N, C-alpha and C. Protein backbone atom coordinates (compact mmCIF):
# COMPACT_ATOMS: atom_id res chain seq x y z
N MET A 1 -30.31 -31.08 29.03
CA MET A 1 -30.74 -30.58 30.32
C MET A 1 -32.16 -31.05 30.65
N LEU A 2 -32.98 -31.13 29.63
CA LEU A 2 -34.37 -31.52 29.84
C LEU A 2 -34.47 -32.92 30.46
N ASN A 3 -33.54 -33.79 30.14
CA ASN A 3 -33.57 -35.15 30.67
C ASN A 3 -33.04 -35.27 32.09
N THR A 4 -32.34 -34.26 32.58
CA THR A 4 -31.71 -34.39 33.90
C THR A 4 -32.29 -33.47 34.97
N ILE A 5 -33.12 -32.51 34.59
CA ILE A 5 -33.69 -31.57 35.57
C ILE A 5 -34.67 -32.31 36.47
N GLN A 6 -34.51 -32.13 37.77
CA GLN A 6 -35.35 -32.81 38.76
C GLN A 6 -36.52 -31.96 39.23
N ASP A 7 -36.31 -30.65 39.35
CA ASP A 7 -37.35 -29.75 39.86
C ASP A 7 -38.49 -29.65 38.84
N PRO A 8 -39.72 -29.99 39.22
CA PRO A 8 -40.83 -30.00 38.24
C PRO A 8 -41.12 -28.62 37.65
N GLN A 9 -40.97 -27.56 38.42
CA GLN A 9 -41.25 -26.23 37.88
C GLN A 9 -40.20 -25.82 36.85
N ILE A 10 -38.94 -26.10 37.13
CA ILE A 10 -37.88 -25.79 36.18
C ILE A 10 -38.03 -26.67 34.94
N HIS A 11 -38.41 -27.91 35.15
CA HIS A 11 -38.63 -28.83 34.01
C HIS A 11 -39.73 -28.29 33.11
N ASN A 12 -40.79 -27.75 33.68
CA ASN A 12 -41.88 -27.16 32.88
C ASN A 12 -41.39 -26.00 32.05
N VAL A 13 -40.53 -25.16 32.63
CA VAL A 13 -39.96 -24.03 31.89
C VAL A 13 -39.18 -24.55 30.69
N PHE A 14 -38.36 -25.57 30.91
CA PHE A 14 -37.56 -26.13 29.82
C PHE A 14 -38.45 -26.81 28.78
N GLN A 15 -39.49 -27.47 29.21
CA GLN A 15 -40.40 -28.12 28.28
C GLN A 15 -41.06 -27.09 27.37
N THR A 16 -41.46 -25.96 27.94
CA THR A 16 -42.04 -24.88 27.15
C THR A 16 -41.03 -24.31 26.16
N ALA A 17 -39.81 -24.08 26.64
CA ALA A 17 -38.76 -23.55 25.77
C ALA A 17 -38.45 -24.53 24.64
N TYR A 18 -38.43 -25.81 24.96
CA TYR A 18 -38.17 -26.83 23.95
C TYR A 18 -39.25 -26.81 22.86
N GLY A 19 -40.49 -26.66 23.28
CA GLY A 19 -41.59 -26.58 22.32
C GLY A 19 -41.46 -25.38 21.40
N LEU A 20 -41.07 -24.25 21.96
CA LEU A 20 -40.88 -23.04 21.15
C LEU A 20 -39.73 -23.22 20.17
N CYS A 21 -38.66 -23.86 20.63
CA CYS A 21 -37.52 -24.11 19.74
C CYS A 21 -37.91 -25.02 18.59
N GLU A 22 -38.69 -26.05 18.87
CA GLU A 22 -39.14 -26.94 17.80
C GLU A 22 -39.95 -26.18 16.76
N LYS A 23 -40.82 -25.26 17.20
CA LYS A 23 -41.60 -24.46 16.26
C LYS A 23 -40.68 -23.60 15.39
N HIS A 24 -39.69 -22.96 16.01
CA HIS A 24 -38.76 -22.11 15.26
C HIS A 24 -37.96 -22.92 14.25
N ILE A 25 -37.50 -24.09 14.67
CA ILE A 25 -36.73 -24.95 13.76
C ILE A 25 -37.58 -25.37 12.58
N ASN A 26 -38.82 -25.73 12.83
CA ASN A 26 -39.71 -26.12 11.73
C ASN A 26 -39.95 -24.98 10.76
N LYS A 27 -40.11 -23.76 11.28
CA LYS A 27 -40.30 -22.59 10.40
C LYS A 27 -39.04 -22.34 9.56
N LEU A 28 -37.87 -22.48 10.19
CA LEU A 28 -36.63 -22.27 9.45
C LEU A 28 -36.43 -23.34 8.39
N LYS A 29 -36.74 -24.59 8.71
CA LYS A 29 -36.62 -25.66 7.72
C LYS A 29 -37.53 -25.38 6.53
N LYS A 30 -38.74 -24.94 6.79
CA LYS A 30 -39.69 -24.62 5.72
C LYS A 30 -39.13 -23.50 4.85
N LEU A 31 -38.56 -22.48 5.48
CA LEU A 31 -37.97 -21.37 4.74
C LEU A 31 -36.80 -21.85 3.88
N PHE A 32 -35.93 -22.68 4.44
CA PHE A 32 -34.81 -23.21 3.67
C PHE A 32 -35.30 -24.01 2.46
N HIS A 33 -36.33 -24.83 2.67
CA HIS A 33 -36.87 -25.62 1.56
C HIS A 33 -37.48 -24.73 0.49
N GLN A 34 -38.19 -23.69 0.90
CA GLN A 34 -38.81 -22.76 -0.07
C GLN A 34 -37.75 -22.06 -0.91
N GLU A 35 -36.61 -21.78 -0.31
CA GLU A 35 -35.55 -21.06 -1.01
C GLU A 35 -34.55 -22.01 -1.68
N ASN A 36 -34.86 -23.32 -1.65
CA ASN A 36 -33.96 -24.33 -2.21
C ASN A 36 -32.55 -24.22 -1.64
N PHE A 37 -32.49 -24.00 -0.35
CA PHE A 37 -31.22 -23.87 0.36
C PHE A 37 -31.06 -25.10 1.25
N PRO A 38 -29.87 -25.70 1.31
CA PRO A 38 -29.70 -26.90 2.13
C PRO A 38 -29.92 -26.62 3.61
N VAL A 39 -30.63 -27.52 4.27
CA VAL A 39 -30.89 -27.38 5.70
C VAL A 39 -29.65 -27.83 6.46
N PRO A 40 -29.11 -26.97 7.33
CA PRO A 40 -27.92 -27.38 8.11
C PRO A 40 -28.22 -28.60 8.97
N LYS A 41 -27.24 -29.46 9.12
CA LYS A 41 -27.42 -30.68 9.92
C LYS A 41 -27.51 -30.33 11.40
N GLY A 42 -26.61 -29.52 11.89
CA GLY A 42 -26.62 -29.14 13.31
C GLY A 42 -26.37 -30.34 14.22
N LEU A 43 -26.70 -30.20 15.49
CA LEU A 43 -26.56 -31.30 16.45
C LEU A 43 -27.76 -32.22 16.34
N ASN A 44 -27.53 -33.51 16.58
CA ASN A 44 -28.64 -34.45 16.58
C ASN A 44 -28.41 -35.50 17.67
N GLU A 45 -29.22 -36.54 17.67
CA GLU A 45 -29.16 -37.56 18.72
C GLU A 45 -27.81 -38.26 18.78
N GLU A 46 -27.11 -38.31 17.65
CA GLU A 46 -25.80 -38.96 17.62
C GLU A 46 -24.75 -38.18 18.39
N ASP A 47 -24.97 -36.89 18.59
CA ASP A 47 -23.99 -36.02 19.24
C ASP A 47 -24.18 -35.91 20.74
N VAL A 48 -25.28 -36.43 21.26
CA VAL A 48 -25.63 -36.24 22.67
C VAL A 48 -25.92 -37.58 23.32
N ASN A 49 -25.37 -37.78 24.50
CA ASN A 49 -25.68 -38.98 25.29
C ASN A 49 -26.77 -38.60 26.28
N LEU A 50 -28.00 -38.96 25.98
CA LEU A 50 -29.13 -38.58 26.83
C LEU A 50 -29.13 -39.32 28.16
N ASN A 51 -28.31 -40.34 28.30
CA ASN A 51 -28.24 -41.10 29.55
C ASN A 51 -27.06 -40.67 30.43
N ALA A 52 -26.35 -39.64 30.01
CA ALA A 52 -25.21 -39.15 30.79
C ALA A 52 -25.71 -38.50 32.09
N PRO A 53 -24.90 -38.53 33.13
CA PRO A 53 -25.30 -37.86 34.37
C PRO A 53 -25.35 -36.34 34.15
N PRO A 54 -26.11 -35.64 34.97
CA PRO A 54 -26.23 -34.19 34.79
C PRO A 54 -24.89 -33.48 34.96
N LEU A 55 -24.67 -32.47 34.13
CA LEU A 55 -23.47 -31.65 34.24
C LEU A 55 -23.72 -30.42 35.10
N PHE A 56 -24.98 -30.00 35.20
CA PHE A 56 -25.31 -28.75 35.88
C PHE A 56 -26.45 -28.96 36.87
N THR A 57 -26.52 -28.09 37.86
CA THR A 57 -27.62 -28.13 38.82
C THR A 57 -28.87 -27.56 38.18
N ASP A 58 -30.00 -27.86 38.76
CA ASP A 58 -31.27 -27.31 38.26
C ASP A 58 -31.26 -25.78 38.30
N ASP A 59 -30.69 -25.22 39.36
CA ASP A 59 -30.65 -23.75 39.48
C ASP A 59 -29.83 -23.13 38.35
N PHE A 60 -28.70 -23.76 38.01
CA PHE A 60 -27.89 -23.23 36.91
C PHE A 60 -28.66 -23.33 35.60
N CYS A 61 -29.37 -24.43 35.38
CA CYS A 61 -30.17 -24.60 34.16
C CYS A 61 -31.20 -23.49 34.04
N LEU A 62 -31.84 -23.15 35.15
CA LEU A 62 -32.82 -22.06 35.14
C LEU A 62 -32.15 -20.74 34.80
N TYR A 63 -31.00 -20.48 35.39
CA TYR A 63 -30.24 -19.26 35.10
C TYR A 63 -29.88 -19.22 33.61
N TYR A 64 -29.44 -20.36 33.07
CA TYR A 64 -29.05 -20.45 31.67
C TYR A 64 -30.23 -20.12 30.75
N ILE A 65 -31.37 -20.74 30.98
CA ILE A 65 -32.52 -20.51 30.11
C ILE A 65 -33.01 -19.07 30.21
N HIS A 66 -32.91 -18.50 31.39
CA HIS A 66 -33.27 -17.08 31.57
C HIS A 66 -32.34 -16.20 30.75
N THR A 67 -31.04 -16.46 30.82
CA THR A 67 -30.06 -15.67 30.08
C THR A 67 -30.28 -15.80 28.58
N MET A 68 -30.53 -17.02 28.11
CA MET A 68 -30.75 -17.23 26.68
C MET A 68 -32.04 -16.57 26.20
N ALA A 69 -33.02 -16.46 27.07
CA ALA A 69 -34.27 -15.79 26.70
C ALA A 69 -34.12 -14.28 26.66
N MET A 70 -33.20 -13.75 27.43
CA MET A 70 -33.03 -12.30 27.48
C MET A 70 -32.34 -11.74 26.25
N HIS A 71 -31.47 -12.51 25.62
CA HIS A 71 -30.73 -12.00 24.46
C HIS A 71 -31.64 -11.55 23.32
N PRO A 72 -32.62 -12.35 22.89
CA PRO A 72 -33.49 -11.87 21.81
C PRO A 72 -34.31 -10.65 22.21
N ILE A 73 -34.71 -10.60 23.47
CA ILE A 73 -35.49 -9.45 23.94
C ILE A 73 -34.66 -8.17 23.86
N GLN A 74 -33.40 -8.26 24.29
CA GLN A 74 -32.52 -7.10 24.25
C GLN A 74 -32.22 -6.70 22.81
N LYS A 75 -31.98 -7.68 21.95
CA LYS A 75 -31.68 -7.38 20.55
C LYS A 75 -32.87 -6.75 19.85
N THR A 76 -34.08 -7.22 20.16
CA THR A 76 -35.27 -6.66 19.55
C THR A 76 -35.43 -5.20 19.96
N GLY A 77 -35.20 -4.92 21.24
CA GLY A 77 -35.27 -3.53 21.70
C GLY A 77 -34.27 -2.64 21.01
N ALA A 78 -33.04 -3.13 20.84
CA ALA A 78 -32.01 -2.35 20.15
C ALA A 78 -32.38 -2.15 18.68
N PHE A 79 -32.91 -3.19 18.05
CA PHE A 79 -33.32 -3.10 16.66
C PHE A 79 -34.42 -2.05 16.48
N LEU A 80 -35.44 -2.10 17.35
CA LEU A 80 -36.53 -1.14 17.24
C LEU A 80 -36.04 0.28 17.48
N ASN A 81 -35.12 0.44 18.39
CA ASN A 81 -34.54 1.75 18.65
C ASN A 81 -33.79 2.27 17.43
N ASP A 82 -33.01 1.39 16.79
CA ASP A 82 -32.27 1.79 15.58
C ASP A 82 -33.22 2.13 14.45
N MET A 83 -34.31 1.38 14.32
CA MET A 83 -35.25 1.63 13.23
C MET A 83 -36.00 2.94 13.42
N ALA A 84 -36.18 3.35 14.67
CA ALA A 84 -36.87 4.62 14.94
C ALA A 84 -36.07 5.80 14.41
N ALA A 85 -34.75 5.62 14.30
CA ALA A 85 -33.90 6.71 13.81
C ALA A 85 -34.08 6.92 12.31
N TYR A 86 -34.61 5.93 11.62
CA TYR A 86 -34.79 6.05 10.17
C TYR A 86 -36.17 6.50 9.91
């Protein structure tokens, strides 16, 4: 999506999200290495055609990133609520 978004403001949102994801992935890789656990391969450049035409509109991409950002926030709230019971 980052390669196909035309709107500069939406592109900035995705660029920020991408940076955060890279930080999280690096932390997880470090944790896997510390625990001598194999790092999952996951998706890589071989799995994605970065030159493909866009599949989604910029507005849908913004909706998607908003939805994906809300899930951890909701889960954290539920977790904290459950922990308060203990």
